[in-house]
Amino acid sequence: MSLLDDYHALRAGAAIVDRSARGRLVLTGVDRRSYLQGLLSNDIAALEAGSGCYATYLTAQGRMIADMRVFETGDNLLVDLDGTLAAAVSDRWSQFIFSEDVSVANNSASTSQVGVFGPQSAPVLARALGDAEASGQQWEDTLRRMPVNAIRTCNFRAQLVQVLRSDDIGVMGFEIILPSRLEDDFVTSLRSAGAIEVGTDAVEVCRVEGGRPLFHVDMDEDTIPLEAGIEDRAVSLTKGCYVGQEVIIRVLHRGHGRVARRLVGMTFAPGSSVPSRGDRIFSADRDIGSITSAVESPALGAPISLGYVHRDFQQPGTSVRVGERNGTVSTLPFVPTGSASEPVAAD
């Protein structure tokens, strides 16, 4: 399969996406939501059974330790985050517990996470699950109605699995959490239902087209959420205190949201080569920032990138230069999440 074949599956069909790099924590106990409420930037206390949200875990200085999705199942909280951070975050949260009725378990090794993305993902997933409690068209309709960050529990091979509604890679779809021993069987079932496995290159193209920053690529431990432009998804302005809140509120209220740098999208002239991570960005002769991610976009027919620029150069339409490439700052996302591009001819 070529990159364009894989991209077409993500944009027009149903694609199986490797999510093995993700980690999974489970919090149990009656105080689980109130406990995370004081640690994370979004409103965890407001979650109801079947719902979830995107959030950040910050230092007292407002810098990111991790970003994550938090799902309330009704029995526990499922936390999805970068797998390389799961053990450290689990240990830290466990150390902070005093009298609260909450426990933290790192289930990353005993469970697997499989993604199926694309406009045909709902019917394909419904067929693959097969023996779910709801079946056929009823189960497909249930999947289609799930909002982003919703979670449902069903059965596969008589085992409980969790289905997450996800747009994490810039394309709408689902992620399934299941016992590791069932992963191969489930992937085979997805293939039989009409999904195809795709490579990481096509997934990266969709992620950048969707304007989704990735931790340890477009964000790191020196990043403030406001710099990465994720505050609308990750930060609640109405909840109580949490670690790092003082810095966030100070920038929003006293600084009117102005940060020294900002993650932006950039589109380059068709035919230009794709920039590399770390390439410097210029406006006229001024060095204004650097590239964090870059791909060739089949939807736009041109190279696109994410990168940080000085706040005076963040407005869409601003002219930029990377090496010999001329480009402009673009509105994100480049391609709206959930929309299919024009059909792409496969090589």
C-alpha atoms as a PDB file:
ATOM      1  CA  MET A   1       0.000   0.000   0.000  1.00  0.00           C
ATOM      2  CA  SER A   2       1.271   3.462  -0.895  1.00  0.00           C
ATOM      3  CA  LEU A   3       0.976   6.517   1.291  1.00  0.00           C
ATOM      4  CA  LEU A   4      -1.811   7.809  -0.971  1.00  0.00           C
ATOM      5  CA  ASP A   5      -3.701   4.520  -0.648  1.00  0.00           C
ATOM      6  CA  ASP A   6      -3.428   4.769   3.124  1.00  0.00           C
ATOM      7  CA  TYR A   7      -4.458   8.425   3.061  1.00  0.00           C
ATOM      8  CA  HIS A   8      -7.494   7.615   0.931  1.00  0.00           C
ATOM      9  CA  ALA A   9      -8.556   4.946   3.446  1.00  0.00           C
ATOM     10  CA  LEU A  10      -8.362   7.504   6.263  1.00  0.00           C
ATOM     11  CA  ARG A  11     -10.222  10.193   4.344  1.00  0.00           C
ATOM     12  CA  ALA A  12     -12.788   8.095   2.482  1.00  0.00           C
ATOM     13  CA  GLY A  13     -12.947   4.631   4.042  1.00  0.00           C
ATOM     14  CA  ALA A  14     -12.049   2.876   7.285  1.00  0.00           C
ATOM     15  CA  ALA A  15      -8.437   2.578   8.370  1.00  0.00           C
ATOM     16  CA  ILE A  16      -6.866   0.541  11.175  1.00  0.00           C
ATOM     17  CA  VAL A  17      -4.415   2.787  13.032  1.00  0.00           C
ATOM     18  CA  ASP A  18      -1.678   1.606  15.382  1.00  0.00           C
ATOM     19  CA  ARG A  19      -2.229   3.250  18.792  1.00  0.00           C
ATOM     20  CA  SER A  20       0.279   1.116  20.691  1.00  0.00           C
ATOM     21  CA  ALA A  21       2.260   4.229  21.704  1.00  0.00           C
ATOM     22  CA  ARG A  22      -0.569   5.307  24.006  1.00  0.00           C
ATOM     23  CA  GLY A  23      -0.720   4.524  27.724  1.00  0.00           C
ATOM     24  CA  ARG A  24      -3.772   3.865  29.901  1.00  0.00           C
ATOM     25  CA  LEU A  25      -4.347   4.678  33.566  1.00  0.00           C
ATOM     26  CA  VAL A  26      -7.470   3.723  35.509  1.00  0.00           C
ATOM     27  CA  LEU A  27      -8.625   5.598  38.612  1.00  0.00           C
ATOM     28  CA  THR A  28     -11.181   4.020  40.931  1.00  0.00           C
ATOM     29  CA  GLY A  29     -12.863   5.201  44.141  1.00  0.00           C
ATOM     30  CA  VAL A  30     -15.628   7.674  44.928  1.00  0.00           C
ATOM     31  CA  ASP A  31     -13.189  10.616  45.024  1.00  0.00           C
ATOM     32  CA  ARG A  32     -11.638   9.908  41.603  1.00  0.00           C
ATOM     33  CA  ARG A  33     -13.157  12.940  39.834  1.00  0.00           C
ATOM     34  CA  SER A  34     -12.622  15.417  42.675  1.00  0.00           C
ATOM     35  CA  TYR A  35      -9.039  14.179  43.004  1.00  0.00           C
ATOM     36  CA  LEU A  36      -8.174  14.861  39.355  1.00  0.00           C
ATOM     37  CA  GLN A  37     -10.165  18.107  39.474  1.00  0.00           C
ATOM     38  CA  GLY A  38      -7.362  19.647  41.519  1.00  0.00           C
ATOM     39  CA  LEU A  39      -4.625  18.323  39.225  1.00  0.00           C
ATOM     40  CA  LEU A  40      -5.845  18.828  35.654  1.00  0.00           C
ATOM     41  CA  SER A  41      -6.768  21.924  33.647  1.00  0.00           C
ATOM     42  CA  ASN A  42     -10.220  20.825  32.467  1.00  0.00           C
ATOM     43  CA  ASP A  43     -13.436  20.264  34.439  1.00  0.00           C
ATOM     44  CA  ILE A  44     -13.152  16.632  35.476  1.00  0.00           C
ATOM     45  CA  ALA A  45     -15.801  16.968  38.205  1.00  0.00           C
ATOM     46  CA  ALA A  46     -18.401  17.778  35.555  1.00  0.00           C
ATOM     47  CA  LEU A  47     -17.927  14.483  33.696  1.00  0.00           C
ATOM     48  CA  GLU A  48     -20.894  12.135  33.667  1.00  0.00           C
ATOM     49  CA  ALA A  49     -20.907   8.441  32.863  1.00  0.00           C
ATOM     50  CA  GLY A  50     -20.131   7.969  29.180  1.00  0.00           C
ATOM     51  CA  SER A  51     -18.429  11.347  28.699  1.00  0.00           C
ATOM     52  CA  GLY A  52     -14.853  12.549  28.543  1.00  0.00           C
ATOM     53  CA  CYS A  53     -12.644  15.554  27.902  1.00  0.00           C
ATOM     54  CA  TYR A  54      -9.173  16.609  26.817  1.00  0.00           C
ATOM     55  CA  ALA A  55      -6.949  18.100  29.537  1.00  0.00           C
ATOM     56  CA  THR A  56      -3.407  18.999  30.499  1.00  0.00           C
ATOM     57  CA  TYR A  57      -1.368  18.194  33.596  1.00  0.00           C
ATOM     58  CA  LEU A  58       0.815  21.188  34.457  1.00  0.00           C
ATOM     59  CA  THR A  59       3.618  22.223  36.759  1.00  0.00           C
ATOM     60  CA  ALA A  60       3.056  25.081  39.211  1.00  0.00           C
ATOM     61  CA  GLN A  61       4.705  27.282  36.578  1.00  0.00           C
ATOM     62  CA  GLY A  62       2.041  26.372  34.009  1.00  0.00           C
ATOM     63  CA  ARG A  63       4.343  24.177  31.906  1.00  0.00           C
ATOM     64  CA  MET A  64       3.056  20.906  30.498  1.00  0.00           C
ATOM     65  CA  ILE A  65       3.869  17.589  32.128  1.00  0.00           C
ATOM     66  CA  ALA A  66       1.463  15.743  29.832  1.00  0.00           C
ATOM     67  CA  ASP A  67      -1.699  16.117  27.814  1.00  0.00           C
ATOM     68  CA  MET A  68      -4.383  13.454  28.068  1.00  0.00           C
ATOM     69  CA  ARG A  69      -7.976  12.438  27.516  1.00  0.00           C
ATOM     70  CA  VAL A  70     -10.062  11.550  30.570  1.00  0.00           C
ATOM     71  CA  PHE A  71     -13.159   9.321  30.271  1.00  0.00           C
ATOM     72  CA  GLU A  72     -15.755   8.623  32.986  1.00  0.00           C
ATOM     73  CA  THR A  73     -17.112   5.106  32.522  1.00  0.00           C
ATOM     74  CA  GLY A  74     -19.485   5.183  35.495  1.00  0.00           C
ATOM     75  CA  ASP A  75     -17.274   2.789  37.443  1.00  0.00           C
ATOM     76  CA  ASN A  76     -13.871   4.444  36.990  1.00  0.00           C
ATOM     77  CA  LEU A  77     -11.905   7.081  35.125  1.00  0.00           C
ATOM     78  CA  LEU A  78      -9.897   5.982  32.096  1.00  0.00           C
ATOM     79  CA  VAL A  79      -6.954   8.255  31.280  1.00  0.00           C
ATOM     80  CA  ASP A  80      -5.340   8.007  27.829  1.00  0.00           C
ATOM     81  CA  LEU A  81      -1.896   9.642  27.477  1.00  0.00           C
ATOM     82  CA  ASP A  82       1.538   9.313  25.888  1.00  0.00           C
ATOM     83  CA  GLY A  83       2.717   5.823  26.784  1.00  0.00           C
ATOM     84  CA  THR A  84       6.212   6.996  27.721  1.00  0.00           C
ATOM     85  CA  LEU A  85       4.681   9.140  30.489  1.00  0.00           C
ATOM     86  CA  ALA A  86       2.154   6.663  31.893  1.00  0.00           C
ATOM     87  CA  ALA A  87       4.356   5.121  34.598  1.00  0.00           C
ATOM     88  CA  ALA A  88       5.711   8.456  35.850  1.00  0.00           C
ATOM     89  CA  VAL A  89       2.268  10.098  35.964  1.00  0.00           C
ATOM     90  CA  SER A  90       0.745   7.054  37.673  1.00  0.00           C
ATOM     91  CA  ASP A  91       3.473   7.056  40.317  1.00  0.00           C
ATOM     92  CA  ARG A  92       3.165  10.792  40.923  1.00  0.00           C
ATOM     93  CA  TRP A  93      -0.605  10.710  41.275  1.00  0.00           C
ATOM     94  CA  SER A  94      -0.390   7.754  43.648  1.00  0.00           C
ATOM     95  CA  GLN A  95       2.097   9.645  45.834  1.00  0.00           C
ATOM     96  CA  PHE A  96      -0.269  12.613  46.117  1.00  0.00           C
ATOM     97  CA  ILE A  97      -3.109  10.531  47.598  1.00  0.00           C
ATOM     98  CA  PHE A  98      -3.640  11.144  51.314  1.00  0.00           C
ATOM     99  CA  SER A  99      -7.135  10.568  52.698  1.00  0.00           C
ATOM    100  CA  GLU A 100      -9.001  10.485  49.377  1.00  0.00           C
ATOM    101  CA  ASP A 101     -10.879   7.367  48.338  1.00  0.00           C
ATOM    102  CA  VAL A 102      -9.026   6.877  45.054  1.00  0.00           C
ATOM    103  CA  SER A 103      -6.472   4.488  43.613  1.00  0.00           C
ATOM    104  CA  VAL A 104      -4.426   4.706  40.415  1.00  0.00           C
ATOM    105  CA  ALA A 105      -3.483   1.724  38.262  1.00  0.00           C
ATOM    106  CA  ASN A 106      -1.296   1.684  35.149  1.00  0.00           C
ATOM    107  CA  ASN A 107      -3.028  -0.757  32.785  1.00  0.00           C
ATOM    108  CA  SER A 108      -0.828   0.001  29.781  1.00  0.00           C
ATOM    109  CA  ALA A 109       0.815  -3.433  29.723  1.00  0.00           C
ATOM    110  CA  SER A 110      -2.325  -5.524  30.193  1.00  0.00           C
ATOM    111  CA  THR A 111      -4.496  -3.707  27.643  1.00  0.00           C
ATOM    112  CA  SER A 112      -4.170  -2.688  24.012  1.00  0.00           C
ATOM    113  CA  GLN A 113      -5.513   0.260  22.046  1.00  0.00           C
ATOM    114  CA  VAL A 114      -6.597  -0.069  18.410  1.00  0.00           C
ATOM    115  CA  GLY A 115      -7.857   2.776  16.252  1.00  0.00           C
ATOM    116  CA  VAL A 116     -10.294   2.651  13.352  1.00  0.00           C
ATOM    117  CA  PHE A 117     -10.687   6.005  11.617  1.00  0.00           C
ATOM    118  CA  GLY A 118     -12.446   7.390   8.572  1.00  0.00           C
ATOM    119  CA  PRO A 119     -16.007   8.092   7.393  1.00  0.00           C
ATOM    120  CA  GLN A 120     -16.783   4.362   7.157  1.00  0.00           C
ATOM    121  CA  SER A 121     -15.431   3.563  10.613  1.00  0.00           C
ATOM    122  CA  ALA A 122     -18.846   3.281  12.316  1.00  0.00           C
ATOM    123  CA  PRO A 123     -20.326   0.543  10.076  1.00  0.00           C
ATOM    124  CA  VAL A 124     -16.995  -1.291   9.929  1.00  0.00           C
ATOM    125  CA  LEU A 125     -16.619  -1.221  13.716  1.00  0.00           C
ATOM    126  CA  ALA A 126     -20.220  -2.350  14.196  1.00  0.00           C
ATOM    127  CA  ARG A 127     -19.562  -5.390  11.983  1.00  0.00           C
ATOM    128  CA  ALA A 128     -16.224  -6.124  13.665  1.00  0.00           C
ATOM    129  CA  LEU A 129     -17.655  -6.083  17.176  1.00  0.00           C
ATOM    130  CA  GLY A 130     -20.295  -8.519  16.046  1.00  0.00           C
ATOM    131  CA  ASP A 131     -21.487  -9.787  19.414  1.00  0.00           C
ATOM    132  CA  ALA A 132     -21.957  -6.358  21.001  1.00  0.00           C
ATOM    133  CA  GLU A 133     -25.029  -5.853  23.146  1.00  0.00           C
ATOM    134  CA  ALA A 134     -26.608  -3.801  20.383  1.00  0.00           C
ATOM    135  CA  SER A 135     -26.260  -5.267  16.910  1.00  0.00           C
ATOM    136  CA  GLY A 136     -26.594  -4.383  13.273  1.00  0.00           C
ATOM    137  CA  GLN A 137     -27.984  -0.986  12.339  1.00  0.00           C
ATOM    138  CA  GLN A 138     -28.857  -0.160  15.941  1.00  0.00           C
ATOM    139  CA  TRP A 139     -25.226  -0.477  17.060  1.00  0.00           C
ATOM    140  CA  GLU A 140     -23.976   1.451  14.020  1.00  0.00           C
ATOM    141  CA  ASP A 141     -26.400   4.286  14.783  1.00  0.00           C
ATOM    142  CA  THR A 142     -25.220   4.317  18.395  1.00  0.00           C
ATOM    143  CA  LEU A 143     -21.620   4.664  17.244  1.00  0.00           C
ATOM    144  CA  ARG A 144     -22.448   7.476  14.818  1.00  0.00           C
ATOM    145  CA  ARG A 145     -24.251   9.443  17.539  1.00  0.00           C
ATOM    146  CA  MET A 146     -21.329   9.315  19.962  1.00  0.00           C
ATOM    147  CA  PRO A 147     -19.822  12.795  20.430  1.00  0.00           C
ATOM    148  CA  VAL A 148     -16.067  13.284  20.537  1.00  0.00           C
ATOM    149  CA  ASN A 149     -14.585  11.949  23.791  1.00  0.00           C
ATOM    150  CA  ALA A 150     -17.623   9.807  24.565  1.00  0.00           C
ATOM    151  CA  ILE A 151     -17.023   6.269  25.838  1.00  0.00           C
ATOM    152  CA  ARG A 152     -19.170   3.143  25.571  1.00  0.00           C
ATOM    153  CA  THR A 153     -18.654  -0.366  26.918  1.00  0.00           C
ATOM    154  CA  CYS A 154     -19.605  -3.425  24.868  1.00  0.00           C
ATOM    155  CA  ASN A 155     -18.502  -7.003  24.255  1.00  0.00           C
ATOM    156  CA  PHE A 156     -16.023  -8.656  21.927  1.00  0.00           C
ATOM    157  CA  ARG A 157     -15.554 -12.408  22.155  1.00  0.00           C
ATOM    158  CA  ALA A 158     -17.569 -12.287  25.406  1.00  0.00           C
ATOM    159  CA  GLN A 159     -15.063  -9.860  26.934  1.00  0.00           C
ATOM    160  CA  LEU A 160     -15.794  -6.265  27.938  1.00  0.00           C
ATOM    161  CA  VAL A 161     -14.117  -3.672  25.719  1.00  0.00           C
ATOM    162  CA  GLN A 162     -14.327   0.107  25.684  1.00  0.00           C
ATOM    163  CA  VAL A 163     -15.039   2.218  22.612  1.00  0.00           C
ATOM    164  CA  LEU A 164     -13.823   5.827  22.566  1.00  0.00           C
ATOM    165  CA  ARG A 165     -15.081   8.402  20.067  1.00  0.00           C
ATOM    166  CA  SER A 166     -11.913  10.061  18.824  1.00  0.00           C
ATOM    167  CA  ASP A 167     -10.612  12.795  16.542  1.00  0.00           C
ATOM    168  CA  ASP A 168      -7.123  12.568  18.024  1.00  0.00           C
ATOM    169  CA  ILE A 169      -5.346  12.101  14.666  1.00  0.00           C
ATOM    170  CA  GLY A 170      -7.273  14.808  12.811  1.00  0.00           C
ATOM    171  CA  VAL A 171      -9.856  12.372  11.403  1.00  0.00           C
ATOM    172  CA  MET A 172     -13.046  11.200  13.095  1.00  0.00           C
ATOM    173  CA  GLY A 173     -13.118   7.619  14.236  1.00  0.00           C
ATOM    174  CA  PHE A 174     -12.935   5.327  17.235  1.00  0.00           C
ATOM    175  CA  GLU A 175     -10.374   3.778  19.548  1.00  0.00           C
ATOM    176  CA  ILE A 176     -10.985   0.461  21.223  1.00  0.00           C
ATOM    177  CA  ILE A 177      -9.433  -0.526  24.565  1.00  0.00           C
ATOM    178  CA  LEU A 178      -9.355  -4.276  25.073  1.00  0.00           C
ATOM    179  CA  PRO A 179      -7.348  -6.997  26.819  1.00  0.00           C
ATOM    180  CA  SER A 180      -3.998  -7.420  25.043  1.00  0.00           C
ATOM    181  CA  ARG A 181      -4.665 -11.086  24.321  1.00  0.00           C
ATOM    182  CA  LEU A 182      -7.598 -10.083  22.090  1.00  0.00           C
ATOM    183  CA  GLU A 183      -5.756  -7.495  19.981  1.00  0.00           C
ATOM    184  CA  ASP A 184      -4.767  -9.751  17.068  1.00  0.00           C
ATOM    185  CA  ASP A 185      -8.232 -11.308  16.934  1.00  0.00           C
ATOM    186  CA  PHE A 186      -9.857  -7.875  16.925  1.00  0.00           C
ATOM    187  CA  VAL A 187      -7.617  -6.514  14.161  1.00  0.00           C
ATOM    188  CA  THR A 188      -8.466  -9.597  12.085  1.00  0.00           C
ATOM    189  CA  SER A 189     -12.162  -8.891  12.689  1.00  0.00           C
ATOM    190  CA  LEU A 190     -11.712  -5.280  11.547  1.00  0.00           C
ATOM    191  CA  ARG A 191     -10.002  -6.473   8.357  1.00  0.00           C
ATOM    192  CA  SER A 192     -12.817  -8.910   7.680  1.00  0.00           C
ATOM    193  CA  ALA A 193     -15.308  -6.063   8.175  1.00  0.00           C
ATOM    194  CA  GLY A 194     -13.604  -3.966   5.469  1.00  0.00           C
ATOM    195  CA  ALA A 195     -10.940  -1.888   7.241  1.00  0.00           C
ATOM    196  CA  ILE A 196      -7.354  -1.737   6.014  1.00  0.00           C
ATOM    197  CA  GLU A 197      -4.208  -1.227   8.067  1.00  0.00           C
ATOM    198  CA  VAL A 198      -2.376   2.010   7.301  1.00  0.00           C
ATOM    199  CA  GLY A 199       1.128   3.220   7.996  1.00  0.00           C
ATOM    200  CA  THR A 200       2.264   5.953  10.328  1.00  0.00           C
ATOM    201  CA  ASP A 201       3.151   8.332   7.473  1.00  0.00           C
ATOM    202  CA  ALA A 202      -0.461   8.718   6.345  1.00  0.00           C
ATOM    203  CA  VAL A 203      -1.610   9.130   9.949  1.00  0.00           C
ATOM    204  CA  GLU A 204       0.957  11.902  10.403  1.00  0.00           C
ATOM    205  CA  VAL A 205      -0.337  13.667   7.281  1.00  0.00           C
ATOM    206  CA  CYS A 206      -3.887  13.652   8.659  1.00  0.00           C
ATOM    207  CA  ARG A 207      -2.713  14.816  12.083  1.00  0.00           C
ATOM    208  CA  VAL A 208      -0.911  17.833  10.640  1.00  0.00           C
ATOM    209  CA  GLU A 209      -3.774  18.597   8.236  1.00  0.00           C
ATOM    210  CA  GLY A 210      -6.030  18.545  11.297  1.00  0.00           C
ATOM    211  CA  GLY A 211      -3.751  20.976  13.134  1.00  0.00           C
ATOM    212  CA  ARG A 212      -3.384  18.621  16.098  1.00  0.00           C
ATOM    213  CA  PRO A 213      -0.180  19.228  18.090  1.00  0.00           C
ATOM    214  CA  LEU A 214       1.493  16.091  19.437  1.00  0.00           C
ATOM    215  CA  PHE A 215       3.283  15.950  22.785  1.00  0.00           C
ATOM    216  CA  HIS A 216       7.059  15.489  22.485  1.00  0.00           C
ATOM    217  CA  VAL A 217       6.791  16.766  18.884  1.00  0.00           C
ATOM    218  CA  ASP A 218       4.868  20.056  18.827  1.00  0.00           C
ATOM    219  CA  MET A 219       4.639  20.454  22.610  1.00  0.00           C
ATOM    220  CA  ASP A 220       7.005  19.573  25.436  1.00  0.00           C
ATOM    221  CA  GLU A 221       7.791  20.234  29.080  1.00  0.00           C
ATOM    222  CA  ASP A 222       8.574  23.905  28.327  1.00  0.00           C
ATOM    223  CA  THR A 223       5.222  24.550  26.636  1.00  0.00           C
ATOM    224  CA  ILE A 224       2.346  26.525  28.143  1.00  0.00           C
ATOM    225  CA  PRO A 225      -1.011  25.287  26.754  1.00  0.00           C
ATOM    226  CA  LEU A 226      -1.802  28.798  25.496  1.00  0.00           C
ATOM    227  CA  GLU A 227       1.313  28.729  23.304  1.00  0.00           C
ATOM    228  CA  ALA A 228       0.148  25.513  21.654  1.00  0.00           C
ATOM    229  CA  GLY A 229      -3.358  26.895  21.033  1.00  0.00           C
ATOM    230  CA  ILE A 230      -5.088  24.034  22.867  1.00  0.00           C
ATOM    231  CA  GLU A 231      -6.768  26.129  25.556  1.00  0.00           C
ATOM    232  CA  ASP A 232     -10.244  25.915  23.981  1.00  0.00           C
ATOM    233  CA  ARG A 233     -10.142  22.121  24.261  1.00  0.00           C
ATOM    234  CA  ALA A 234      -8.006  21.618  27.350  1.00  0.00           C
ATOM    235  CA  VAL A 235      -8.650  24.477  29.795  1.00  0.00           C
ATOM    236  CA  SER A 236     -11.811  25.217  31.768  1.00  0.00           C
ATOM    237  CA  LEU A 237     -12.248  28.864  32.754  1.00  0.00           C
ATOM    238  CA  THR A 238     -15.041  28.133  35.231  1.00  0.00           C
ATOM    239  CA  LYS A 239     -13.632  25.358  37.430  1.00  0.00           C
ATOM    240  CA  GLY A 240     -11.863  25.743  40.768  1.00  0.00           C
ATOM    241  CA  CYS A 241      -8.157  25.700  41.483  1.00  0.00           C
ATOM    242  CA  TYR A 242      -5.734  23.282  39.850  1.00  0.00           C
ATOM    243  CA  VAL A 243      -1.965  23.067  39.620  1.00  0.00           C
ATOM    244  CA  GLY A 244      -0.666  25.760  37.233  1.00  0.00           C
ATOM    245  CA  GLN A 245      -3.943  27.690  37.121  1.00  0.00           C
ATOM    246  CA  GLU A 246      -2.424  30.914  38.462  1.00  0.00           C
ATOM    247  CA  VAL A 247      -0.110  31.223  35.471  1.00  0.00           C
ATOM    248  CA  ILE A 248      -2.857  30.438  32.956  1.00  0.00           C
ATOM    249  CA  ILE A 249      -5.280  32.958  34.484  1.00  0.00           C
ATOM    250  CA  ARG A 250      -2.595  35.631  34.732  1.00  0.00           C
ATOM    251  CA  VAL A 251      -1.790  35.318  31.011  1.00  0.00           C
ATOM    252  CA  LEU A 252      -5.459  35.234  30.011  1.00  0.00           C
ATOM    253  CA  HIS A 253      -6.695  38.066  32.194  1.00  0.00           C
ATOM    254  CA  ARG A 254      -3.738  40.371  32.709  1.00  0.00           C
ATOM    255  CA  GLY A 255      -1.913  39.572  29.488  1.00  0.00           C
ATOM    256  CA  HIS A 256      -5.099  39.274  27.388  1.00  0.00           C
ATOM    257  CA  GLY A 257      -3.944  35.856  26.222  1.00  0.00           C
ATOM    258  CA  ARG A 258      -0.729  37.168  24.686  1.00  0.00           C
ATOM    259  CA  VAL A 259       2.163  34.744  24.890  1.00  0.00           C
ATOM    260  CA  ALA A 260       5.666  35.236  23.529  1.00  0.00           C
ATOM    261  CA  ARG A 261       5.232  32.579  20.843  1.00  0.00           C
ATOM    262  CA  ARG A 262       2.352  30.727  19.263  1.00  0.00           C
ATOM    263  CA  LEU A 263       1.934  27.463  17.367  1.00  0.00           C
ATOM    264  CA  VAL A 264       0.597  28.223  13.880  1.00  0.00           C
ATOM    265  CA  GLY A 265      -0.003  26.463  10.601  1.00  0.00           C
ATOM    266  CA  MET A 266       1.940  27.381   7.476  1.00  0.00           C
ATOM    267  CA  THR A 267       1.260  26.570   3.834  1.00  0.00           C
ATOM    268  CA  PHE A 268       4.063  26.641   1.270  1.00  0.00           C
ATOM    269  CA  ALA A 269       4.031  27.039  -2.485  1.00  0.00           C
ATOM    270  CA  PRO A 270       3.066  23.917  -4.449  1.00  0.00           C
ATOM    271  CA  GLY A 271       6.171  22.139  -5.686  1.00  0.00           C
ATOM    272  CA  SER A 272       8.261  23.222  -2.721  1.00  0.00           C
ATOM    273  CA  SER A 273      10.096  20.585  -0.728  1.00  0.00           C
ATOM    274  CA  VAL A 274       8.726  19.653   2.687  1.00  0.00           C
ATOM    275  CA  PRO A 275      10.501  21.497   5.552  1.00  0.00           C
ATOM    276  CA  SER A 276      12.252  19.532   8.283  1.00  0.00           C
ATOM    277  CA  ARG A 277      11.618  19.645  12.007  1.00  0.00           C
ATOM    278  CA  GLY A 278      13.789  22.362  13.525  1.00  0.00           C
ATOM    279  CA  ASP A 279      14.092  24.458  10.347  1.00  0.00           C
ATOM    280  CA  ARG A 280      14.092  28.164  11.163  1.00  0.00           C
ATOM    281  CA  ILE A 281      11.214  30.385  10.094  1.00  0.00           C
ATOM    282  CA  PHE A 282      11.887  33.901   8.832  1.00  0.00           C
ATOM    283  CA  SER A 283       9.825  36.966   8.030  1.00  0.00           C
ATOM    284  CA  ALA A 284      11.966  39.144   5.773  1.00  0.00           C
ATOM    285  CA  ASP A 285      15.359  38.901   7.502  1.00  0.00           C
ATOM    286  CA  ARG A 286      14.007  38.294  11.006  1.00  0.00           C
ATOM    287  CA  ASP A 287      14.226  34.851  12.583  1.00  0.00           C
ATOM    288  CA  ILE A 288      10.764  34.375  14.121  1.00  0.00           C
ATOM    289  CA  GLY A 289      10.579  30.701  15.063  1.00  0.00           C
ATOM    290  CA  SER A 290      10.994  27.065  14.029  1.00  0.00           C
ATOM    291  CA  ILE A 291       9.158  24.139  12.414  1.00  0.00           C
ATOM    292  CA  THR A 292       7.865  21.318  14.620  1.00  0.00           C
ATOM    293  CA  SER A 293       5.962  19.114  12.099  1.00  0.00           C
ATOM    294  CA  ALA A 294       5.710  19.181   8.309  1.00  0.00           C
ATOM    295  CA  VAL A 295       4.121  17.003   5.605  1.00  0.00           C
ATOM    296  CA  GLU A 296       3.042  17.090   1.973  1.00  0.00           C
ATOM    297  CA  SER A 297      -0.744  17.561   2.039  1.00  0.00           C
ATOM    298  CA  PRO A 298      -2.671  15.617  -0.638  1.00  0.00           C
ATOM    299  CA  ALA A 299      -5.757  17.710   0.149  1.00  0.00           C
ATOM    300  CA  LEU A 300      -3.990  21.012  -0.510  1.00  0.00           C
ATOM    301  CA  GLY A 301      -1.448  19.773  -3.040  1.00  0.00           C
ATOM    302  CA  ALA A 302       1.334  21.573  -1.183  1.00  0.00           C
ATOM    303  CA  PRO A 303       3.658  21.250   1.819  1.00  0.00           C
ATOM    304  CA  ILE A 304       2.175  22.320   5.153  1.00  0.00           C
ATOM    305  CA  SER A 305       3.666  22.594   8.604  1.00  0.00           C
ATOM    306  CA  LEU A 306       3.137  23.395  12.252  1.00  0.00           C
ATOM    307  CA  GLY A 307       5.623  25.617  14.027  1.00  0.00           C
ATOM    308  CA  TYR A 308       6.113  28.262  16.679  1.00  0.00           C
ATOM    309  CA  VAL A 309       6.449  31.896  15.636  1.00  0.00           C
ATOM    310  CA  HIS A 310       6.828  35.142  17.555  1.00  0.00           C
ATOM    311  CA  ARG A 311       3.412  36.471  18.563  1.00  0.00           C
ATOM    312  CA  ASP A 312       3.691  39.452  16.183  1.00  0.00           C
ATOM    313  CA  PHE A 313       3.669  37.065  13.201  1.00  0.00           C
ATOM    314  CA  GLN A 314       0.805  34.697  14.092  1.00  0.00           C
ATOM    315  CA  GLN A 315      -1.944  36.284  11.968  1.00  0.00           C
ATOM    316  CA  PRO A 316      -3.202  34.218   8.988  1.00  0.00           C
ATOM    317  CA  GLY A 317      -1.838  35.593   5.747  1.00  0.00           C
ATOM    318  CA  THR A 318       1.522  36.621   7.232  1.00  0.00           C
ATOM    319  CA  SER A 319       4.327  35.884   4.755  1.00  0.00           C
ATOM    320  CA  VAL A 320       7.054  33.540   5.972  1.00  0.00           C
ATOM    321  CA  ARG A 321      10.134  31.878   4.546  1.00  0.00           C
ATOM    322  CA  VAL A 322      11.801  28.588   5.477  1.00  0.00           C
ATOM    323  CA  GLY A 323      15.036  28.150   3.569  1.00  0.00           C
ATOM    324  CA  GLU A 324      14.163  28.848  -0.071  1.00  0.00           C
ATOM    325  CA  ARG A 325      10.477  28.071   0.511  1.00  0.00           C
ATOM    326  CA  ASN A 326       7.945  30.886   0.548  1.00  0.00           C
ATOM    327  CA  GLY A 327       4.756  30.412   2.517  1.00  0.00           C
ATOM    328  CA  THR A 328       2.014  32.015   4.555  1.00  0.00           C
ATOM    329  CA  VAL A 329       0.591  31.543   8.021  1.00  0.00           C
ATOM    330  CA  SER A 330      -2.676  29.605   7.645  1.00  0.00           C
ATOM    331  CA  THR A 331      -5.811  29.131   9.704  1.00  0.00           C
ATOM    332  CA  LEU A 332      -5.974  25.783  11.520  1.00  0.00           C
ATOM    333  CA  PRO A 333      -7.087  23.173  10.816  1.00  0.00           C
ATOM    334  CA  PHE A 334      -5.886  22.912   7.232  1.00  0.00           C
ATOM    335  CA  VAL A 335      -8.544  20.238   6.619  1.00  0.00           C
ATOM    336  CA  PRO A 336     -11.589  20.173   8.934  1.00  0.00           C
ATOM    337  CA  THR A 337     -11.756  17.116  11.162  1.00  0.00           C
ATOM    338  CA  GLY A 338     -14.365  14.677   9.934  1.00  0.00           C
ATOM    339  CA  SER A 339     -14.547  15.990   6.380  1.00  0.00           C
ATOM    340  CA  ALA A 340     -13.277  13.985   3.460  1.00  0.00           C
ATOM    341  CA  SER A 341     -11.027  15.637   0.919  1.00  0.00           C
ATOM    342  CA  GLU A 342     -11.602  15.263  -2.787  1.00  0.00           C
ATOM    343  CA  PRO A 343     -10.908  11.673  -3.924  1.00  0.00           C
ATOM    344  CA  VAL A 344      -7.199  10.990  -4.136  1.00  0.00           C
ATOM    345  CA  ALA A 345      -5.895   8.877  -6.965  1.00  0.00           C
ATOM    346  CA  ALA A 346      -3.726   6.038  -5.707  1.00  0.00           C
ATOM    347  CA  ASP A 347      -0.325   5.390  -7.207  1.00  0.00           C
END
